């Protein structure tokens, strides 16, 4: 889900080109608005942290809470973000857990599981 038609088309093309098994939906929209609660198994997320000239986590927080609402128990939220944003703290607060999956000097990949 993204507000950009181009971003959604790119994500879907990448998914198809890599032959990923299973079912995925690609939608244009605002976060996870309109997605029923407890209806998804996996949310992949790379939230923006700039709003005009400001650095903010407001969009990320909205995306994280939307993911928690839409995930089934045992469902996973995977987040790619800049290391300095401290998303692991927010995920622990919201999900009660956060696992570092991969990282380098600049980026982290985190996973949180809905219990």
N, C-alpha and C. Protein backbone atom coordinates (compact mmCIF):
# COMPACT_ATOMS: atom_id res chain seq x y z
N UNK A 1 0.86 -1.17 0.00
CA UNK A 1 0.00 0.00 0.00
C UNK A 1 0.90 1.22 0.00
N UNK A 2 0.59 2.12 -0.90
CA UNK A 2 1.32 3.38 -0.97
C UNK A 2 0.39 4.39 -1.62
N UNK A 3 0.61 5.66 -1.35
CA UNK A 3 -0.21 6.69 -1.98
C UNK A 3 0.21 6.96 -3.42
N UNK A 4 1.34 6.40 -3.82
CA UNK A 4 1.89 6.61 -5.16
C UNK A 4 1.58 5.42 -6.08
N UNK A 5 0.87 5.69 -7.17
CA UNK A 5 0.60 4.64 -8.15
C UNK A 5 1.90 4.05 -8.67
N UNK A 6 2.89 4.89 -8.90
CA UNK A 6 4.17 4.44 -9.44
C UNK A 6 4.89 3.52 -8.45
N UNK A 7 4.88 3.85 -7.18
CA UNK A 7 5.53 3.02 -6.17
C UNK A 7 4.86 1.66 -6.07
N UNK A 8 3.53 1.63 -6.14
CA UNK A 8 2.79 0.37 -6.06
C UNK A 8 3.10 -0.49 -7.29
N UNK A 9 3.10 0.12 -8.45
CA UNK A 9 3.41 -0.62 -9.68
C UNK A 9 4.83 -1.19 -9.63
N UNK A 10 5.76 -0.42 -9.12
CA UNK A 10 7.14 -0.88 -9.01
C UNK A 10 7.26 -2.05 -8.04
N UNK A 11 6.60 -1.96 -6.90
CA UNK A 11 6.63 -3.05 -5.91
C UNK A 11 6.03 -4.33 -6.49
N UNK A 12 4.92 -4.19 -7.19
CA UNK A 12 4.28 -5.37 -7.78
C UNK A 12 5.16 -6.00 -8.86
N UNK A 13 5.77 -5.17 -9.69
CA UNK A 13 6.66 -5.69 -10.74
C UNK A 13 7.86 -6.42 -10.13
N UNK A 14 8.42 -5.86 -9.06
CA UNK A 14 9.56 -6.49 -8.39
C UNK A 14 9.14 -7.84 -7.79
N UNK A 15 7.99 -7.87 -7.16
CA UNK A 15 7.46 -9.10 -6.58
C UNK A 15 7.32 -10.17 -7.65
N UNK A 16 6.69 -9.83 -8.75
CA UNK A 16 6.47 -10.80 -9.84
C UNK A 16 7.78 -11.23 -10.48
N UNK A 17 8.70 -10.31 -10.67
CA UNK A 17 9.98 -10.63 -11.32
C UNK A 17 10.81 -11.60 -10.49
N UNK A 18 10.60 -11.61 -9.18
CA UNK A 18 11.38 -12.47 -8.30
C UNK A 18 10.71 -13.80 -8.01
N UNK A 19 9.54 -14.05 -8.58
CA UNK A 19 8.87 -15.34 -8.42
C UNK A 19 8.58 -15.72 -6.99
N UNK A 20 8.23 -14.75 -6.18
CA UNK A 20 7.93 -15.02 -4.77
C UNK A 20 6.67 -15.87 -4.67
N UNK A 21 6.73 -16.97 -3.93
CA UNK A 21 5.53 -17.81 -3.80
C UNK A 21 4.48 -17.16 -2.90
N UNK A 22 3.25 -17.58 -3.06
CA UNK A 22 2.17 -17.09 -2.21
C UNK A 22 1.43 -15.94 -2.85
N UNK A 23 0.54 -15.37 -2.07
CA UNK A 23 -0.35 -14.31 -2.55
C UNK A 23 0.04 -12.98 -1.91
N UNK A 24 0.05 -11.94 -2.72
CA UNK A 24 0.29 -10.59 -2.21
C UNK A 24 -0.66 -9.64 -2.91
N UNK A 25 -1.08 -8.61 -2.20
CA UNK A 25 -1.92 -7.58 -2.79
C UNK A 25 -1.16 -6.26 -2.80
N UNK A 26 -1.35 -5.52 -3.87
CA UNK A 26 -0.70 -4.22 -4.04
C UNK A 26 -1.80 -3.20 -4.27
N UNK A 27 -1.89 -2.22 -3.39
CA UNK A 27 -2.98 -1.24 -3.45
C UNK A 27 -2.45 0.18 -3.29
N UNK A 28 -3.14 1.09 -3.95
CA UNK A 28 -2.87 2.51 -3.75
C UNK A 28 -3.80 2.98 -2.65
N UNK A 29 -3.24 3.65 -1.64
CA UNK A 29 -4.07 4.12 -0.55
C UNK A 29 -3.24 4.78 0.53
N UNK A 30 -3.91 5.17 1.59
CA UNK A 30 -3.29 5.85 2.71
C UNK A 30 -3.01 4.86 3.83
N UNK A 31 -1.77 4.44 3.94
CA UNK A 31 -1.42 3.49 4.98
C UNK A 31 -2.25 2.23 4.84
N UNK A 32 -2.76 1.72 5.94
CA UNK A 32 -3.58 0.51 5.92
C UNK A 32 -5.06 0.84 6.14
N UNK A 33 -5.43 2.07 5.87
CA UNK A 33 -6.84 2.47 5.98
C UNK A 33 -7.67 1.59 5.06
N UNK A 34 -8.78 1.10 5.59
CA UNK A 34 -9.67 0.27 4.80
C UNK A 34 -9.34 -1.21 4.81
N UNK A 35 -8.19 -1.57 5.38
CA UNK A 35 -7.83 -2.99 5.49
C UNK A 35 -8.45 -3.51 6.79
N UNK A 36 -9.23 -4.59 6.71
CA UNK A 36 -9.90 -5.10 7.92
C UNK A 36 -8.92 -5.52 9.02
N UNK A 37 -9.31 -5.29 10.25
CA UNK A 37 -8.51 -5.70 11.40
C UNK A 37 -8.29 -7.21 11.39
N UNK A 38 -7.09 -7.63 11.75
CA UNK A 38 -6.78 -9.05 11.87
C UNK A 38 -6.88 -9.82 10.56
N UNK A 39 -6.57 -9.18 9.45
CA UNK A 39 -6.79 -9.84 8.15
C UNK A 39 -5.52 -10.16 7.37
N UNK A 40 -4.35 -9.78 7.87
CA UNK A 40 -3.13 -10.02 7.12
C UNK A 40 -2.08 -10.74 7.96
N UNK A 41 -1.20 -11.45 7.27
CA UNK A 41 -0.14 -12.21 7.93
C UNK A 41 1.19 -11.48 7.97
N UNK A 42 1.41 -10.59 6.99
CA UNK A 42 2.71 -9.95 6.86
C UNK A 42 2.54 -8.53 6.34
N UNK A 43 3.25 -7.59 6.97
CA UNK A 43 3.32 -6.22 6.49
C UNK A 43 4.80 -5.87 6.35
N UNK A 44 5.17 -5.42 5.15
CA UNK A 44 6.53 -4.95 4.88
C UNK A 44 6.46 -3.43 4.84
N UNK A 45 7.40 -2.76 5.50
CA UNK A 45 7.24 -1.33 5.72
C UNK A 45 8.58 -0.62 5.63
N UNK A 46 8.61 0.47 4.90
CA UNK A 46 9.76 1.37 4.84
C UNK A 46 9.22 2.78 4.96
N UNK A 47 8.89 3.20 6.19
CA UNK A 47 8.18 4.47 6.37
C UNK A 47 9.04 5.69 6.05
N UNK A 48 8.42 6.70 5.48
CA UNK A 48 9.15 7.96 5.26
C UNK A 48 9.33 8.68 6.59
N UNK A 49 10.40 9.44 6.68
CA UNK A 49 10.61 10.20 7.93
C UNK A 49 10.81 11.68 7.68
N UNK A 50 10.58 12.12 6.46
CA UNK A 50 10.60 13.55 6.16
C UNK A 50 9.19 14.00 5.81
N UNK A 51 8.81 15.11 6.36
CA UNK A 51 7.56 15.77 6.00
C UNK A 51 7.92 17.21 5.69
N UNK A 52 7.97 17.50 4.42
CA UNK A 52 8.47 18.81 3.94
C UNK A 52 9.91 18.95 4.42
N UNK A 53 10.22 19.90 5.25
CA UNK A 53 11.60 20.11 5.72
C UNK A 53 11.88 19.45 7.07
N UNK A 54 10.86 18.92 7.71
CA UNK A 54 11.00 18.38 9.06
C UNK A 54 11.26 16.87 9.05
N UNK A 55 12.04 16.41 10.03
CA UNK A 55 12.22 14.99 10.27
C UNK A 55 11.22 14.60 11.35
N UNK A 56 10.39 13.60 11.06
CA UNK A 56 9.33 13.22 12.00
C UNK A 56 9.06 11.73 11.91
N UNK A 57 8.57 11.16 13.00
CA UNK A 57 8.19 9.75 12.98
C UNK A 57 6.66 9.58 13.03
N UNK A 58 5.93 10.65 12.80
CA UNK A 58 4.46 10.58 12.87
C UNK A 58 3.89 9.60 11.86
N UNK A 59 4.39 9.62 10.64
CA UNK A 59 3.89 8.68 9.62
C UNK A 59 4.28 7.26 9.98
N UNK A 60 5.50 7.06 10.45
CA UNK A 60 5.95 5.72 10.84
C UNK A 60 5.06 5.18 11.96
N UNK A 61 4.79 6.00 12.97
CA UNK A 61 3.96 5.55 14.09
C UNK A 61 2.56 5.15 13.60
N UNK A 62 2.00 5.95 12.69
CA UNK A 62 0.69 5.63 12.12
C UNK A 62 0.74 4.32 11.34
N UNK A 63 1.83 4.11 10.60
CA UNK A 63 1.98 2.87 9.84
C UNK A 63 2.16 1.67 10.78
N UNK A 64 2.91 1.84 11.86
CA UNK A 64 3.12 0.75 12.81
C UNK A 64 1.82 0.38 13.52
N UNK A 65 1.06 1.38 13.95
CA UNK A 65 -0.20 1.08 14.63
C UNK A 65 -1.21 0.46 13.65
N UNK A 66 -1.20 0.90 12.42
CA UNK A 66 -2.05 0.29 11.40
C UNK A 66 -1.68 -1.16 11.16
N UNK A 67 -0.39 -1.44 11.14
CA UNK A 67 0.06 -2.82 10.96
C UNK A 67 -0.38 -3.68 12.14
N UNK A 68 -0.22 -3.17 13.35
CA UNK A 68 -0.63 -3.96 14.52
C UNK A 68 -2.13 -4.27 14.46
N UNK A 69 -2.92 -3.32 14.03
CA UNK A 69 -4.37 -3.50 13.93
C UNK A 69 -4.73 -4.54 12.86
N UNK A 70 -4.06 -4.53 11.74
CA UNK A 70 -4.45 -5.40 10.62
C UNK A 70 -3.83 -6.78 10.68
N UNK A 71 -2.77 -6.95 11.46
CA UNK A 71 -2.13 -8.27 11.53
C UNK A 71 -2.96 -9.26 12.35
N UNK A 72 -2.93 -10.50 11.90
CA UNK A 72 -3.49 -11.60 12.68
C UNK A 72 -2.51 -11.93 13.81
N UNK A 73 -2.96 -12.61 14.88
CA UNK A 73 -2.01 -13.07 15.89
C UNK A 73 -0.95 -13.95 15.23
N UNK A 74 0.31 -13.68 15.56
CA UNK A 74 1.42 -14.38 14.93
C UNK A 74 1.91 -13.70 13.66
N UNK A 75 1.15 -12.71 13.18
CA UNK A 75 1.55 -11.96 11.98
C UNK A 75 2.78 -11.11 12.26
N UNK A 76 3.51 -10.81 11.20
CA UNK A 76 4.78 -10.11 11.34
C UNK A 76 4.78 -8.77 10.62
N UNK A 77 5.40 -7.79 11.26
CA UNK A 77 5.71 -6.50 10.65
C UNK A 77 7.21 -6.45 10.47
N UNK A 78 7.66 -6.26 9.23
CA UNK A 78 9.07 -6.08 8.92
C UNK A 78 9.27 -4.64 8.51
N UNK A 79 10.27 -3.99 9.09
CA UNK A 79 10.51 -2.57 8.87
C UNK A 79 11.96 -2.35 8.42
N UNK A 80 12.13 -1.59 7.36
CA UNK A 80 13.45 -1.10 6.94
C UNK A 80 13.51 0.37 7.31
N UNK A 81 14.57 0.76 7.98
CA UNK A 81 14.68 2.16 8.37
C UNK A 81 16.11 2.58 8.64
N UNK A 82 16.32 3.86 8.67
CA UNK A 82 17.63 4.38 9.05
C UNK A 82 17.89 4.06 10.52
N UNK A 83 19.08 3.65 10.81
CA UNK A 83 19.46 3.24 12.17
C UNK A 83 19.15 4.32 13.20
N UNK A 84 19.43 5.58 12.88
CA UNK A 84 19.30 6.66 13.86
C UNK A 84 17.86 6.96 14.26
N UNK A 85 16.88 6.39 13.58
CA UNK A 85 15.48 6.69 13.90
C UNK A 85 14.96 5.93 15.12
N UNK A 86 15.65 4.88 15.54
CA UNK A 86 15.27 4.17 16.77
C UNK A 86 13.92 3.48 16.70
N UNK A 87 13.56 2.95 15.54
CA UNK A 87 12.26 2.29 15.40
C UNK A 87 12.11 1.08 16.33
N UNK A 88 13.21 0.45 16.70
CA UNK A 88 13.11 -0.71 17.59
C UNK A 88 12.43 -0.36 18.91
N UNK A 89 12.65 0.84 19.40
CA UNK A 89 12.03 1.28 20.66
C UNK A 89 10.51 1.39 20.48
N UNK A 90 10.09 1.98 19.38
CA UNK A 90 8.65 2.14 19.11
C UNK A 90 7.98 0.79 18.91
N UNK A 91 8.66 -0.11 18.20
CA UNK A 91 8.08 -1.44 17.98
C UNK A 91 7.96 -2.21 19.29
N UNK A 92 8.94 -2.10 20.15
CA UNK A 92 8.85 -2.78 21.46
C UNK A 92 7.70 -2.22 22.28
N UNK A 93 7.50 -0.91 22.21
CA UNK A 93 6.40 -0.29 22.95
C UNK A 93 5.06 -0.77 22.42
N UNK A 94 4.93 -0.87 21.12
CA UNK A 94 3.66 -1.20 20.49
C UNK A 94 3.38 -2.70 20.45
N UNK A 95 4.39 -3.50 20.13
CA UNK A 95 4.21 -4.94 19.96
C UNK A 95 4.70 -5.75 21.15
N UNK A 96 5.52 -5.14 22.00
CA UNK A 96 6.11 -5.88 23.11
C UNK A 96 7.34 -6.65 22.69
N UNK A 97 7.78 -6.48 21.43
CA UNK A 97 8.96 -7.17 20.95
C UNK A 97 9.49 -6.46 19.71
N UNK A 98 10.75 -6.69 19.42
CA UNK A 98 11.39 -6.19 18.21
C UNK A 98 12.69 -6.95 18.06
N UNK A 99 12.91 -7.50 16.88
CA UNK A 99 14.11 -8.28 16.62
C UNK A 99 14.89 -7.63 15.48
N UNK A 100 16.19 -7.47 15.65
CA UNK A 100 17.06 -6.98 14.60
C UNK A 100 17.35 -8.15 13.66
N UNK A 101 16.95 -8.02 12.40
CA UNK A 101 17.13 -9.08 11.42
C UNK A 101 18.42 -8.89 10.63
N UNK A 102 18.71 -7.64 10.26
CA UNK A 102 19.92 -7.32 9.51
C UNK A 102 20.25 -5.85 9.72
N UNK A 103 21.51 -5.50 9.48
CA UNK A 103 21.88 -4.09 9.63
C UNK A 103 23.22 -3.82 8.94
N UNK A 104 23.45 -2.56 8.69
CA UNK A 104 24.76 -2.08 8.30
C UNK A 104 24.95 -0.75 9.05
N UNK A 105 25.93 0.03 8.65
CA UNK A 105 26.20 1.28 9.38
C UNK A 105 25.02 2.24 9.35
N UNK A 106 24.24 2.20 8.28
CA UNK A 106 23.19 3.20 8.09
C UNK A 106 21.77 2.67 8.31
N UNK A 107 21.50 1.42 7.92
CA UNK A 107 20.13 0.89 7.93
C UNK A 107 19.97 -0.31 8.84
N UNK A 108 18.72 -0.53 9.26
CA UNK A 108 18.35 -1.73 10.01
C UNK A 108 17.11 -2.35 9.37
N UNK A 109 17.01 -3.66 9.53
CA UNK A 109 15.79 -4.38 9.19
C UNK A 109 15.31 -4.99 10.50
N UNK A 110 14.08 -4.63 10.88
CA UNK A 110 13.51 -5.08 12.15
C UNK A 110 12.27 -5.91 11.91
N UNK A 111 11.99 -6.79 12.86
CA UNK A 111 10.77 -7.60 12.79
C UNK A 111 10.07 -7.53 14.14
N UNK A 112 8.75 -7.32 14.09
CA UNK A 112 7.91 -7.37 15.29
C UNK A 112 6.78 -8.35 15.00
N UNK A 113 6.42 -9.14 16.00
CA UNK A 113 5.38 -10.16 15.85
C UNK A 113 4.21 -9.80 16.72
N UNK A 114 3.01 -9.84 16.13
CA UNK A 114 1.80 -9.57 16.93
C UNK A 114 1.47 -10.81 17.75
N UNK A 115 1.33 -10.62 19.04
CA UNK A 115 1.03 -11.76 19.94
C UNK A 115 -0.44 -11.79 20.28
